[in-house]
Amino acid sequence: VSNPPSATNHLAVGFTYPEDCILNTGKFEMSYDPGATDFDWNVLGGNASAPDANDVMASGTANLTGDATGEWYFIDFGGIEIEADQWFYLSVQYRDGQIPGSDVYYCGGDATADDPYSWYTVDGVSWSNLQGVTDLMIRALISTEFASSVILDPTMPSIPNPNATIMRADATPDLDEHILAKITSIPTANPQITSPISRDLLGYNVYRDNAMIDFVVPTEAWDNDLEDGTYTYFVTSQYDGGESEPSNSVTVTIEYTDVGLVIIDLDPTPTGGIIRDALQDLYPGGVMVATSMDEYDLIGMDAVFVLLGMYPNNDVIDSSNAQPLLDYMGSGGNLYMEGGDMWYYDPQFQGAYDFGPEFGITAIADGGADLSQVVGQGFLEGFEWSYSGENNWIDNIDPSNGDAFTVFRNDQVGYNCGVAHDPG
């Protein structure tokens, strides 16, 4: 092809078959530069002398998701009818503006094969044969009226043997339907061999609203960044001989909720769901529970709650994980934190970050298992709660400056267990 490439550049391989057939799938061995994300392919007409770039039977774009140094890509053509002895060509087409070393894709070739069916064109009109240079790594998979699946390889001319053994699908009712879907013919064998084998599963096609959106090998697919609405999904299995019938459909409705409150529940005995349910009755926006520090961008949230639990069912935030919370407080955010050991014991003995200075808290003692009543102070004066949850080593804390004040107190024993901080 030219340097730099242009849209009139094609690499193509020609095929023909002596019987009427259906062109199901193309195989393209592709490598690519770091900036290339997909490649353009075509099914072209033509004759034994050359392809015809103006006779486009099908065309499309395939994502480059495999090994950049070379990998096979399977393209489903949806079943193109090909007449007996008709020539057709599979081509890779280049694009205007591509820069070698940056975003160009390349079709693989086998220089050891003497292939008279590989071609290239620079201007889209005049074609040159690559015989003696390389065998372009492009293959076609077809099927015949006898349910045969045949791989067309340009180095193996498809000449039926007069002594061929023909296996008709309707003559083998005892075969499983999946085996009937692929009966592989080896046209150069003598006599010709037709043998039923299991289909080779390549992966799964994922469809949204009847349009294919992804091809995956594992049984998992993601469809992100969707707008509000209702979407219908189904999948098909992609075999080397074609595509299966669709699976059952699943309908999903997406309704975006603007999240304003986040509860980061790191407590091994989680209570975030209970707090969320209570807040949803009071707060008009979205309330979400997270189980890690990085699930949400906290900046801009109306409030963030962090639950660390009570010993021995507790978690520790060290200095390497504290920054999202420090940034949130620095932006003027409203942060609530609770944990039986987070103020006194954990910063001194467990490597936890000491949030005391940010909250205006002085840790007085490690405490004990003595919390059964909580009395409101300050703006919570007049409220009183009974406590019957986990009850080990309840840290005793006091306000450390004029911006901090007590809001929870254990009056029965005589220590503070909750402090609020308002720096203004």
Protein backbone atom coordinates (compact mmCIF):
# COMPACT_ATOMS: atom_id res chain seq x y z
CA VAL A 1 0.00 0.00 0.00
CA SER A 2 1.05 3.62 -0.31
CA ASN A 3 2.93 5.55 2.36
CA PRO A 4 0.98 7.09 3.96
CA PRO A 5 -2.06 4.86 3.28
CA SER A 6 -5.24 6.14 1.68
CA ALA A 7 -8.82 4.94 1.25
CA THR A 8 -8.03 3.61 -2.24
CA ASN A 9 -5.57 1.07 -0.76
CA HIS A 10 -6.79 -2.52 -0.43
CA LEU A 11 -5.26 -5.89 0.38
CA ALA A 12 -7.50 -8.72 -0.85
CA VAL A 13 -7.68 -12.49 -1.22
CA GLY A 14 -9.85 -14.20 -3.83
CA PHE A 15 -12.03 -17.29 -3.44
CA THR A 16 -14.35 -19.41 -5.54
CA TYR A 17 -16.28 -22.64 -5.00
CA PRO A 18 -17.80 -25.01 -7.58
CA GLU A 19 -21.20 -25.18 -5.88
CA ASP A 20 -23.77 -22.64 -4.77
CA CYS A 21 -22.91 -21.70 -1.20
CA ILE A 22 -23.41 -19.20 1.60
CA LEU A 23 -20.52 -16.99 2.72
CA ASN A 24 -20.84 -16.94 6.51
CA THR A 25 -17.64 -15.72 8.09
CA GLY A 26 -14.33 -14.08 7.25
CA LYS A 27 -11.07 -14.66 9.12
CA PHE A 28 -8.55 -11.80 9.11
CA GLU A 29 -5.13 -12.05 10.77
CA MET A 30 -4.38 -8.48 11.86
CA SER A 31 -1.72 -6.55 13.75
CA TYR A 32 -1.79 -2.83 14.46
CA ASP A 33 -0.07 0.32 15.74
CA PRO A 34 -0.85 1.59 19.28
CA GLY A 35 -3.29 4.23 18.03
CA ALA A 36 -5.38 1.91 15.84
CA THR A 37 -8.72 0.85 17.35
CA ASP A 38 -10.53 -0.85 14.44
CA PHE A 39 -10.12 -1.83 10.79
CA ASP A 40 -12.28 -1.64 7.65
CA TRP A 41 -13.18 -4.79 5.70
CA ASN A 42 -15.07 -5.50 2.48
CA VAL A 43 -16.54 -8.38 0.54
CA LEU A 44 -15.87 -7.51 -3.10
CA GLY A 45 -16.90 -8.98 -6.39
CA GLY A 46 -14.58 -9.52 -9.32
CA ASN A 47 -13.38 -12.34 -11.53
CA ALA A 48 -10.46 -14.74 -11.79
CA SER A 49 -8.26 -11.90 -13.05
CA ALA A 50 -8.66 -9.43 -10.16
CA PRO A 51 -11.01 -8.00 -7.54
CA ASP A 52 -13.38 -5.13 -8.31
CA ALA A 53 -13.33 -2.42 -5.61
CA ASN A 54 -16.51 -0.90 -7.06
CA ASP A 55 -18.50 -4.12 -6.60
CA VAL A 56 -19.02 -4.06 -2.83
CA MET A 57 -21.14 -6.97 -1.61
CA ALA A 58 -20.69 -6.12 2.09
CA SER A 59 -18.50 -3.84 4.19
CA GLY A 60 -17.96 -2.90 7.80
CA THR A 61 -15.59 -2.09 10.63
CA ALA A 62 -14.25 -4.50 13.26
CA ASN A 63 -12.73 -3.55 16.61
CA LEU A 64 -9.07 -4.37 17.19
CA THR A 65 -9.17 -5.93 20.65
CA GLY A 66 -6.57 -8.70 20.45
CA ASP A 67 -2.79 -8.94 20.54
CA ALA A 68 -1.35 -5.95 18.67
CA THR A 69 1.42 -8.14 17.24
CA GLY A 70 -1.06 -10.38 15.45
CA GLU A 71 -4.36 -12.18 16.06
CA TRP A 72 -7.22 -13.67 14.04
CA TYR A 73 -10.51 -11.76 13.87
CA PHE A 74 -13.77 -13.43 12.86
CA ILE A 75 -16.30 -11.30 10.94
CA ASP A 76 -19.89 -12.50 10.62
CA PHE A 77 -21.15 -11.63 7.13
CA GLY A 78 -24.73 -12.63 7.93
CA GLY A 79 -24.99 -15.14 5.06
CA ILE A 80 -24.12 -13.85 1.56
CA GLU A 81 -25.34 -16.01 -1.33
CA ILE A 82 -22.53 -17.03 -3.68
CA GLU A 83 -23.22 -18.79 -6.97
CA ALA A 84 -21.23 -21.78 -8.19
CA ASP A 85 -17.83 -20.75 -9.62
CA GLN A 86 -18.44 -17.10 -8.70
CA TRP A 87 -15.31 -15.23 -7.60
CA PHE A 88 -15.46 -13.11 -4.46
CA TYR A 89 -12.76 -11.32 -2.52
CA LEU A 90 -12.28 -10.41 1.14
CA SER A 91 -10.33 -7.19 1.53
CA VAL A 92 -8.78 -4.98 4.18
CA GLN A 93 -9.24 -1.33 3.21
CA TYR A 94 -7.09 1.51 4.50
CA ARG A 95 -8.08 5.10 5.31
CA ASP A 96 -7.06 8.61 4.42
CA GLY A 97 -4.92 10.28 7.06
CA GLN A 98 -3.44 7.17 8.67
CA ILE A 99 0.12 7.60 9.94
CA PRO A 100 2.51 4.60 9.87
CA GLY A 101 3.78 3.80 13.35
CA SER A 102 0.83 5.61 14.90
CA ASP A 103 -2.59 4.28 13.84
CA VAL A 104 -2.12 1.90 10.90
CA TYR A 105 -3.37 -1.71 10.90
CA TYR A 106 -1.66 -4.50 8.98
CA CYS A 107 -2.88 -7.73 7.40
CA GLY A 108 -0.67 -10.73 8.16
CA GLY A 109 1.10 -12.65 5.41
CA ASP A 110 2.92 -15.95 4.96
CA ALA A 111 5.96 -15.40 2.74
CA THR A 112 6.58 -19.16 2.52
CA ALA A 113 3.33 -19.80 0.62
CA ASP A 114 3.18 -19.42 -3.17
CA ASP A 115 -0.32 -17.98 -3.41
CA PRO A 116 -1.73 -16.67 -6.72
CA TYR A 117 -4.89 -15.36 -5.05
CA SER A 118 -3.53 -12.45 -2.94
CA TRP A 119 -3.81 -8.95 -4.42
CA TYR A 120 -3.22 -5.30 -3.61
CA THR A 121 -4.21 -1.98 -5.12
CA VAL A 122 -3.02 1.54 -4.43
CA ASP A 123 -5.52 3.48 -6.55
CA GLY A 124 -8.57 1.22 -6.14
CA VAL A 125 -8.59 0.41 -9.87
CA SER A 126 -5.36 -1.33 -10.89
CA TRP A 127 -4.63 -4.54 -8.98
CA SER A 128 -1.28 -6.32 -8.62
CA ASN A 129 -0.88 -9.98 -7.73
CA LEU A 130 1.31 -10.99 -4.77
CA GLN A 131 2.24 -14.46 -6.01
CA GLY A 132 5.80 -15.24 -4.99
CA VAL A 133 5.69 -12.44 -2.40
CA THR A 134 3.25 -13.49 0.31
CA ASP A 135 0.00 -15.28 1.08
CA LEU A 136 -2.26 -12.75 2.80
CA MET A 137 -3.75 -14.30 5.94
CA ILE A 138 -7.42 -13.92 5.03
CA ARG A 139 -9.77 -16.91 4.94
CA ALA A 140 -13.46 -17.52 4.21
CA LEU A 141 -15.92 -19.92 5.84
CA ILE A 142 -18.87 -21.02 3.71
CA SER A 143 -21.71 -23.50 4.02
CA THR A 144 -23.48 -25.54 1.34
CA GLU A 145 -26.99 -26.84 0.93
CA PHE A 146 -25.89 -30.09 2.57
CA ALA A 147 -25.10 -28.24 5.83
CA SER A 148 -21.38 -28.53 5.13
CA SER A 149 -19.05 -25.92 6.58
CA VAL A 150 -15.98 -25.44 4.40
CA ILE A 151 -12.89 -23.37 5.12
CA LEU A 152 -11.66 -21.84 1.88
CA ASP A 153 -7.89 -21.51 1.86
CA PRO A 154 -6.39 -19.93 -1.27
CA THR A 155 -3.44 -22.32 -1.12
CA MET A 156 -5.81 -25.31 -1.35
CA PRO A 157 -7.93 -25.08 -4.55
CA SER A 158 -11.46 -26.32 -3.89
CA ILE A 159 -11.90 -28.98 -6.59
CA PRO A 160 -14.55 -31.59 -5.71
CA ASN A 161 -13.39 -35.17 -6.06
CA PRO A 162 -15.67 -37.24 -8.34
CA ASN A 163 -15.57 -39.99 -5.72
CA ALA A 164 -16.66 -37.64 -2.95
CA THR A 165 -18.81 -39.00 -0.16
CA ILE A 166 -21.78 -36.69 0.31
CA MET A 167 -23.44 -36.60 3.72
CA ARG A 168 -26.88 -35.05 3.69
CA ALA A 169 -28.26 -33.58 6.90
CA ASP A 170 -31.71 -35.07 6.29
CA ALA A 171 -30.14 -38.52 6.01
CA THR A 172 -28.70 -38.40 9.53
CA PRO A 173 -31.64 -37.72 11.88
CA ASP A 174 -29.80 -39.30 14.80
CA LEU A 175 -27.13 -36.58 14.85
CA ASP A 176 -27.36 -33.81 17.42
CA GLU A 177 -28.53 -30.49 15.93
CA HIS A 178 -25.28 -28.80 16.94
CA ILE A 179 -23.28 -31.37 14.99
CA LEU A 180 -25.61 -31.08 12.01
CA ALA A 181 -24.83 -27.38 11.94
CA LYS A 182 -21.25 -28.11 10.98
CA ILE A 183 -20.18 -30.92 8.68
CA THR A 184 -16.64 -30.18 7.59
CA SER A 185 -15.62 -31.10 4.07
CA ILE A 186 -11.98 -31.55 3.09
CA PRO A 187 -12.23 -30.96 -0.67
CA THR A 188 -8.67 -31.98 -1.52
CA ALA A 189 -8.85 -35.43 0.09
CA ASN A 190 -8.91 -38.48 -2.17
CA PRO A 191 -11.56 -39.71 -1.84
CA GLN A 192 -13.14 -36.60 -0.41
CA ILE A 193 -13.91 -36.96 3.30
CA THR A 194 -17.00 -35.49 4.88
CA SER A 195 -17.01 -35.94 8.63
CA PRO A 196 -19.37 -34.59 11.32
CA ILE A 197 -17.60 -32.81 14.17
CA SER A 198 -18.62 -30.49 16.99
CA ARG A 199 -18.66 -26.79 16.27
CA ASP A 200 -15.83 -24.66 17.63
CA LEU A 201 -17.19 -21.94 19.93
CA LEU A 202 -15.42 -18.61 19.38
CA GLY A 203 -17.33 -16.41 21.84
CA TYR A 204 -20.57 -14.50 22.26
CA ASN A 205 -22.20 -11.61 20.42
CA VAL A 206 -24.01 -9.14 22.68
CA TYR A 207 -26.98 -7.22 21.28
CA ARG A 208 -28.75 -4.15 22.61
CA ASP A 209 -32.06 -3.24 20.95
CA ASN A 210 -31.29 -5.64 18.06
CA ALA A 211 -27.90 -4.02 17.33
CA MET A 212 -24.67 -5.87 18.10
CA ILE A 213 -22.60 -3.89 20.62
CA ASP A 214 -19.85 -6.30 21.64
CA PHE A 215 -18.14 -9.63 21.06
CA VAL A 216 -16.83 -11.30 24.21
CA VAL A 217 -15.04 -14.54 24.96
CA PRO A 218 -15.81 -14.74 28.69
CA THR A 219 -19.47 -14.94 29.70
CA GLU A 220 -19.48 -11.34 30.90
CA ALA A 221 -20.07 -8.05 29.11
CA TRP A 222 -20.39 -4.42 30.21
CA ASP A 223 -22.49 -1.67 28.64
CA ASN A 224 -21.58 1.61 30.30
CA ASP A 225 -22.51 5.30 30.00
CA LEU A 226 -26.10 4.74 28.90
CA GLU A 227 -28.72 7.46 29.04
CA ASP A 228 -31.97 7.03 30.95
CA GLY A 229 -34.31 4.65 29.18
CA THR A 230 -35.35 1.04 28.64
CA TYR A 231 -33.03 -1.35 26.79
CA THR A 232 -33.48 -4.93 25.60
CA TYR A 233 -30.52 -7.32 25.49
CA PHE A 234 -29.88 -10.79 24.11
CA VAL A 235 -26.80 -12.80 23.15
CA THR A 236 -25.87 -15.30 20.47
CA SER A 237 -23.10 -17.86 20.39
CA GLN A 238 -20.54 -17.30 17.65
CA TYR A 239 -19.10 -20.48 16.16
CA ASP A 240 -16.51 -20.81 13.44
CA GLY A 241 -19.32 -21.96 11.17
CA GLY A 242 -21.83 -19.24 11.99
CA GLU A 243 -24.04 -17.69 14.64
CA SER A 244 -26.60 -19.37 16.89
CA GLU A 245 -30.20 -18.34 17.41
CA PRO A 246 -30.71 -15.50 19.94
CA SER A 247 -31.03 -16.22 23.63
CA ASN A 248 -34.00 -15.10 25.68
CA SER A 249 -34.25 -11.31 25.91
CA VAL A 250 -33.73 -9.29 29.08
CA THR A 251 -35.16 -5.79 29.48
CA VAL A 252 -33.37 -3.25 31.67
CA THR A 253 -34.66 0.19 32.69
CA ILE A 254 -32.09 2.81 33.68
CA GLU A 255 -33.08 5.86 35.69
CA TYR A 256 -30.27 8.14 36.76
CA THR A 257 -30.29 9.33 40.37
CA ASP A 258 -28.14 12.27 41.42
CA VAL A 259 -26.23 10.90 44.43
CA GLY A 260 -25.77 13.42 47.23
CA LEU A 261 -25.09 11.23 50.27
CA VAL A 262 -22.59 8.35 50.35
CA ILE A 263 -22.24 5.85 53.18
CA ILE A 264 -18.82 4.16 53.05
CA ASP A 265 -19.50 1.01 55.04
CA LEU A 266 -16.19 -0.69 55.89
CA ASP A 267 -17.67 -2.43 58.93
CA PRO A 268 -17.35 -6.26 58.58
CA THR A 269 -20.78 -6.41 60.25
CA PRO A 270 -22.35 -3.80 57.94
CA THR A 271 -25.06 -1.39 59.01
CA GLY A 272 -24.89 0.98 56.04
CA GLY A 273 -28.15 -0.30 54.58
CA ILE A 274 -30.05 0.58 57.76
CA ILE A 275 -28.65 4.11 57.77
CA ARG A 276 -29.40 4.49 54.06
CA ASP A 277 -33.04 3.49 54.56
CA ALA A 278 -33.41 6.03 57.36
CA LEU A 279 -31.77 8.84 55.38
CA GLN A 280 -33.84 8.17 52.26
CA ASP A 281 -36.94 9.12 54.25
CA LEU A 282 -35.38 12.49 55.07
CA TYR A 283 -33.14 13.40 52.13
CA PRO A 284 -34.59 14.27 48.68
CA GLY A 285 -31.57 13.11 46.64
CA GLY A 286 -29.85 9.79 46.10
CA VAL A 287 -28.31 7.91 49.03
CA MET A 288 -25.83 5.16 48.15
CA VAL A 289 -23.83 2.63 50.16
CA ALA A 290 -20.21 2.03 49.10
CA THR A 291 -17.88 -0.69 50.35
CA SER A 292 -14.58 0.95 49.39
CA MET A 293 -13.01 4.39 49.48
CA ASP A 294 -12.81 4.82 45.72
CA GLU A 295 -16.30 3.89 44.49
CA TYR A 296 -17.44 7.52 44.33
CA ASP A 297 -15.83 10.89 43.77
CA LEU A 298 -16.63 12.47 47.12
CA ILE A 299 -16.02 16.09 46.13
CA GLY A 300 -19.37 17.86 45.86
CA MET A 301 -21.33 15.36 47.95
CA ASP A 302 -23.69 16.91 50.50
CA ALA A 303 -22.43 14.51 53.18
CA VAL A 304 -20.29 11.39 53.56
CA PHE A 305 -20.65 8.80 56.32
CA VAL A 306 -17.79 6.39 57.13
CA LEU A 307 -18.51 3.33 59.28
CA LEU A 308 -15.50 1.41 60.65
CA GLY A 309 -17.17 -0.96 63.12
CA MET A 310 -16.41 -2.16 66.63
CA TYR A 311 -13.53 -4.42 67.71
CA PRO A 312 -13.02 -7.22 66.71
CA ASN A 313 -15.28 -6.53 63.70
CA ASN A 314 -13.66 -3.30 62.60
CA ASP A 315 -11.56 -1.82 59.83
CA VAL A 316 -8.62 0.60 59.87
CA ILE A 317 -7.91 3.50 57.50
CA ASP A 318 -4.17 4.09 57.23
CA SER A 319 -2.45 7.17 55.83
CA SER A 320 -2.27 5.70 52.32
CA ASN A 321 -6.09 5.47 52.15
CA ALA A 322 -7.07 8.59 54.05
CA GLN A 323 -6.51 11.16 51.29
CA PRO A 324 -9.99 11.03 49.67
CA LEU A 325 -11.53 11.92 53.04
CA LEU A 326 -8.97 14.65 53.73
CA ASP A 327 -9.60 16.15 50.29
CA TYR A 328 -13.33 16.04 50.90
CA MET A 329 -13.00 17.85 54.23
CA GLY A 330 -10.63 20.35 52.62
CA SER A 331 -13.31 21.15 50.02
CA GLY A 332 -15.78 22.04 52.79
CA GLY A 333 -17.57 18.68 52.85
CA ASN A 334 -19.60 17.31 55.75
CA LEU A 335 -17.99 14.10 57.04
CA TYR A 336 -19.30 11.75 59.73
CA MET A 337 -17.01 8.98 61.01
CA GLU A 338 -17.61 6.33 63.65
CA GLY A 339 -15.62 3.39 64.99
CA GLY A 340 -14.97 2.07 68.48
CA ASP A 341 -11.16 2.26 68.22
CA MET A 342 -10.58 4.83 65.49
CA TRP A 343 -9.71 7.75 67.81
CA TYR A 344 -7.51 6.29 70.56
CA TYR A 345 -6.24 2.74 70.03
CA ASP A 346 -5.95 2.35 66.25
CA PRO A 347 -3.82 5.50 65.56
CA GLN A 348 -1.40 4.52 68.34
CA PHE A 349 -1.13 0.76 67.84
CA GLN A 350 -2.65 -0.27 64.48
CA GLY A 351 -1.09 2.24 62.07
CA ALA A 352 -4.39 4.05 61.50
CA TYR A 353 -4.46 7.66 60.32
CA ASP A 354 -5.25 10.02 63.21
CA PHE A 355 -8.32 12.03 62.18
CA GLY A 356 -8.47 13.69 65.62
CA PRO A 357 -6.92 17.04 64.58
CA GLU A 358 -9.28 17.37 61.58
CA PHE A 359 -12.31 16.77 63.82
CA GLY A 360 -11.08 18.79 66.80
CA ILE A 361 -10.97 15.64 68.94
CA THR A 362 -8.63 14.65 71.76
CA ALA A 363 -8.61 10.91 72.50
CA ILE A 364 -8.70 10.43 76.29
CA ALA A 365 -8.79 6.65 76.84
CA ASP A 366 -9.31 3.29 75.12
CA GLY A 367 -12.49 2.74 77.15
CA GLY A 368 -14.29 -0.49 77.92
CA ALA A 369 -17.50 -2.44 77.29
CA ASP A 370 -19.76 -0.03 79.14
CA LEU A 371 -21.96 1.76 76.59
CA SER A 372 -25.69 1.24 77.09
CA GLN A 373 -27.09 4.77 77.00
CA VAL A 374 -26.25 7.78 74.82
CA VAL A 375 -27.44 11.25 75.83
CA GLY A 376 -27.56 14.10 73.31
CA GLN A 377 -25.55 17.27 73.94
CA GLY A 378 -25.40 20.65 72.18
CA PHE A 379 -27.85 20.77 69.25
CA LEU A 380 -28.93 17.22 70.22
CA GLU A 381 -29.79 18.18 73.78
CA GLY A 382 -33.07 16.61 74.87
CA PHE A 383 -32.51 13.39 72.89
CA GLU A 384 -31.56 10.10 74.50
CA TRP A 385 -30.94 6.66 73.00
CA SER A 386 -30.46 3.15 74.34
CA TYR A 387 -27.52 1.23 72.85
CA SER A 388 -27.35 -2.57 72.60
CA GLY A 389 -24.92 -3.24 69.74
CA GLU A 390 -21.31 -4.41 69.71
CA ASN A 391 -19.67 -3.06 72.85
CA ASN A 392 -15.88 -3.36 73.12
CA TRP A 393 -13.29 -0.69 73.89
CA ILE A 394 -15.46 2.38 73.35
CA ASP A 395 -12.98 5.26 72.93
CA ASN A 396 -13.39 8.18 75.34
CA ILE A 397 -13.01 11.49 73.48
CA ASP A 398 -13.24 15.23 74.22
CA PRO A 399 -13.37 18.41 72.10
CA SER A 400 -9.87 19.83 71.58
CA ASN A 401 -10.62 23.40 70.44
CA GLY A 402 -13.28 26.08 70.36
CA ASP A 403 -14.74 24.86 67.06
CA ALA A 404 -15.53 21.41 68.50
CA PHE A 405 -18.28 20.47 70.95
CA THR A 406 -19.76 17.33 72.50
CA VAL A 407 -22.89 15.83 70.90
CA PHE A 408 -22.94 12.29 72.46
CA ARG A 409 -22.20 11.44 76.10
CA ASN A 410 -22.31 8.28 78.21
CA ASP A 411 -23.76 9.83 81.36
CA GLN A 412 -23.96 6.53 83.23
CA VAL A 413 -20.16 6.15 83.24
CA GLY A 414 -19.17 9.75 82.66
CA TYR A 415 -17.37 10.22 79.33
CA ASN A 416 -17.99 11.76 75.92
CA CYS A 417 -18.36 9.46 72.90
CA GLY A 418 -19.36 11.88 70.13
CA VAL A 419 -17.90 15.24 69.04
CA ALA A 420 -18.97 17.62 66.28
CA HIS A 421 -16.64 20.12 64.65
CA ASP A 422 -17.66 23.34 62.89
CA PRO A 423 -14.63 25.30 61.65
CA GLY A 424 -16.92 27.94 60.13
